[in-house]
Amino acid sequence: MVEWVWELYGTGEVLEAADQKLCGGFDEKEMECLLVVGLWCAHPNYNLRPSIRQATLVLNFESPLPDLPSKMPLCPTVF
């Protein structure tokens, strides 16, 4: 599922990953934020995943969305 959402993110269509049962009944900015933070938390390189504090700040719109690569990294890169 992460691969699918990341693919949508890369093509600028991340909102397509929202549950269709919601019938569009959601705030698009909030949904985009939730999905992007989800990708960030699932980053293949655990060193690039956010702390709980970082994720919370973004989810509360107190920090900007992370700048993730348009394609999901295939192999973790250790820094």
Protein backbone atom coordinates (compact mmCIF):
# COMPACT_ATOMS: atom_id res chain seq x y z
CA MET A 1 0.00 0.00 0.00
CA VAL A 2 2.86 2.40 0.78
CA GLU A 3 4.22 1.93 -2.72
CA TRP A 4 0.83 2.79 -4.24
CA VAL A 5 0.39 5.92 -2.13
CA TRP A 6 3.96 7.00 -2.87
CA GLU A 7 3.30 6.56 -6.59
CA LEU A 8 0.23 8.79 -6.29
CA TYR A 9 2.28 11.30 -4.29
CA GLY A 10 4.90 11.36 -7.03
CA THR A 11 2.33 12.18 -9.68
CA GLY A 12 0.65 14.86 -7.58
CA GLU A 13 -2.45 12.75 -7.00
CA VAL A 14 -1.98 11.71 -3.37
CA LEU A 15 -5.60 12.57 -2.54
CA GLU A 16 -6.65 9.65 -4.74
CA ALA A 17 -5.45 7.42 -1.88
CA ALA A 18 -8.20 8.70 0.42
CA ASP A 19 -10.82 6.09 1.24
CA GLN A 20 -13.58 6.30 -1.38
CA LYS A 21 -16.13 5.58 1.34
CA LEU A 22 -15.51 9.13 2.53
CA CYS A 23 -17.07 10.35 -0.75
CA GLY A 24 -14.80 13.38 -0.71
CA GLY A 25 -16.18 14.43 2.67
CA PHE A 26 -12.86 15.64 4.05
CA ASP A 27 -10.66 18.69 4.08
CA GLU A 28 -8.19 18.21 1.24
CA LYS A 29 -5.36 20.01 3.01
CA GLU A 30 -5.78 17.82 6.09
CA MET A 31 -5.96 14.63 4.03
CA GLU A 32 -2.86 15.55 2.05
CA CYS A 33 -1.03 16.27 5.28
CA LEU A 34 -2.09 12.96 6.81
CA LEU A 35 -1.07 10.94 3.76
CA VAL A 36 2.30 12.67 3.33
CA VAL A 37 3.14 12.29 7.02
CA GLY A 38 2.18 8.63 6.69
CA LEU A 39 4.67 8.23 3.85
CA TRP A 40 7.30 10.06 5.87
CA CYS A 41 6.74 7.73 8.82
CA ALA A 42 7.01 4.70 6.51
CA HIS A 43 10.19 5.93 4.77
CA PRO A 44 12.35 2.92 3.83
CA ASN A 45 15.34 4.58 5.49
CA TYR A 46 14.49 4.64 9.17
CA ASN A 47 17.03 7.43 9.69
CA LEU A 48 14.84 9.71 7.57
CA ARG A 49 11.64 8.96 9.47
CA PRO A 50 10.32 11.72 11.71
CA SER A 51 10.22 11.73 15.45
CA ILE A 52 6.77 11.76 17.03
CA ARG A 53 7.31 15.44 17.78
CA GLN A 54 8.18 16.25 14.15
CA ALA A 55 5.17 14.34 12.84
CA THR A 56 2.86 15.99 15.36
CA LEU A 57 4.08 19.47 14.45
CA VAL A 58 3.35 18.82 10.78
CA LEU A 59 -0.04 17.24 11.51
CA ASN A 60 -0.94 20.32 13.56
CA PHE A 61 0.16 22.58 10.68
CA GLU A 62 2.90 24.05 12.87
CA SER A 63 5.65 22.87 10.47
CA PRO A 64 5.65 22.47 6.69
CA LEU A 65 5.13 19.17 4.94
CA PRO A 66 8.33 17.22 4.42
CA ASP A 67 9.91 17.28 0.98
CA LEU A 68 9.83 13.61 0.06
CA PRO A 69 11.27 12.19 -3.16
CA SER A 70 8.71 11.73 -5.92
CA LYS A 71 9.62 8.05 -6.15
CA MET A 72 9.79 5.77 -3.17
CA PRO A 73 13.42 4.95 -2.41
CA LEU A 74 14.03 1.27 -3.11
CA CYS A 75 16.99 0.64 -0.87
CA PRO A 76 17.59 2.27 2.47
CA THR A 77 20.58 4.56 2.45
CA VAL A 78 22.34 4.73 5.77
CA PHE A 79 23.92 8.03 6.69
